[in-house]
C-alpha cells in the first residue's frame, strides 16, 4: 500500500459545514465525505441541507449562524450525534450583490452582511474550539474568506467582512496552536454554482457598465488565467487538504483557490 494514500484519509473524523446546502458549501461537504469524514451539513434551509446530507451519507440540521445560542447547541449536537467534532468549515455567508457607493449603503445591509459573515464565523469558531479543546485530539477550523479580502472590488460591506474573516483566522491560529487546532482560511475565486459546466473565459474585455466596481470584477473574470470558473468541488478539494494530515504544519494561512485571479 502506498503510505502517502493515508495522508488525505479523513476516516474517523467528524466535520461540520455551515451553509452547506448549496454551492461551495455543498461541494465542500461532498469532498469531505468522499475523503472519509462523517459530515454534518447545516443551513438555514433544513430541507436543502438534508438533501445534500442524504446524497453524501451525512446528517443535517437547521442553523442560523447569527444566533449564538443556536450555534452553541448545534456544535454540541454535532459532537453528540456523530461522536466528535474534529473539523469546522465556516462557509455560511451572504453577498447581497455589489454594495454600491458607501453613501448609499444602509445600516440594515451592513449589519445583515456582517452578522452572517463575521459574527457567524466568531460564534461557530468559539463553540467548536471549546469542544475541540475538551476532546484533547486537536482539530481543524477552516474559514471561507474570499479573494476580495485582499483585492477589493465588490464594495466595503462584503470586501471588509472577508478581510475581517482573514484576520480572525490568523489570530485564532496563534491562540489555538497550543491545543493542536489548525486554523486556516480558504479564499475562493470565481466559482460557478449554477447549472452545467463552469463557463469558460475568453480573455476579451467585457462590455463596460460604467460601474467601476462591477467593471473591475468583470474584467478580471474575463482574463482569468486558467480560462474557466472553478466548480464547487475544486474548493472542496482544497478544504480536504486543509482538513487532512497533509496540512499538519500549516496554520494561519490565507489560501487562494482562484485560478490565478490574484495574479491579475
Foldseek 3Di string as FASTA:
>chain_A
DPPCLQQLAPAPAEEEFEPLLFFLNLLQQQLNLVSHYAYEYEYQDQVSSQVSCVVSVHHYDYDDLLDLVRLLVVLVVSCVVVVAYAEYELDWFDQPFQQPDPVPHDPVNLCVRLSNLPVSLVSNCVNNLVRLLVVLPEHEYEYEAAPLCPVPQRDCRRNVSSVNVLVVQLVVQVVCVVSLYAGEYEHEAAEDRDDDDFDFAQQDQDDDPPRRSVSVNSNLRNNQPVGTHHYSNLSSVVVSCRGGSVCSVDHSYYHYPHSCSVVD
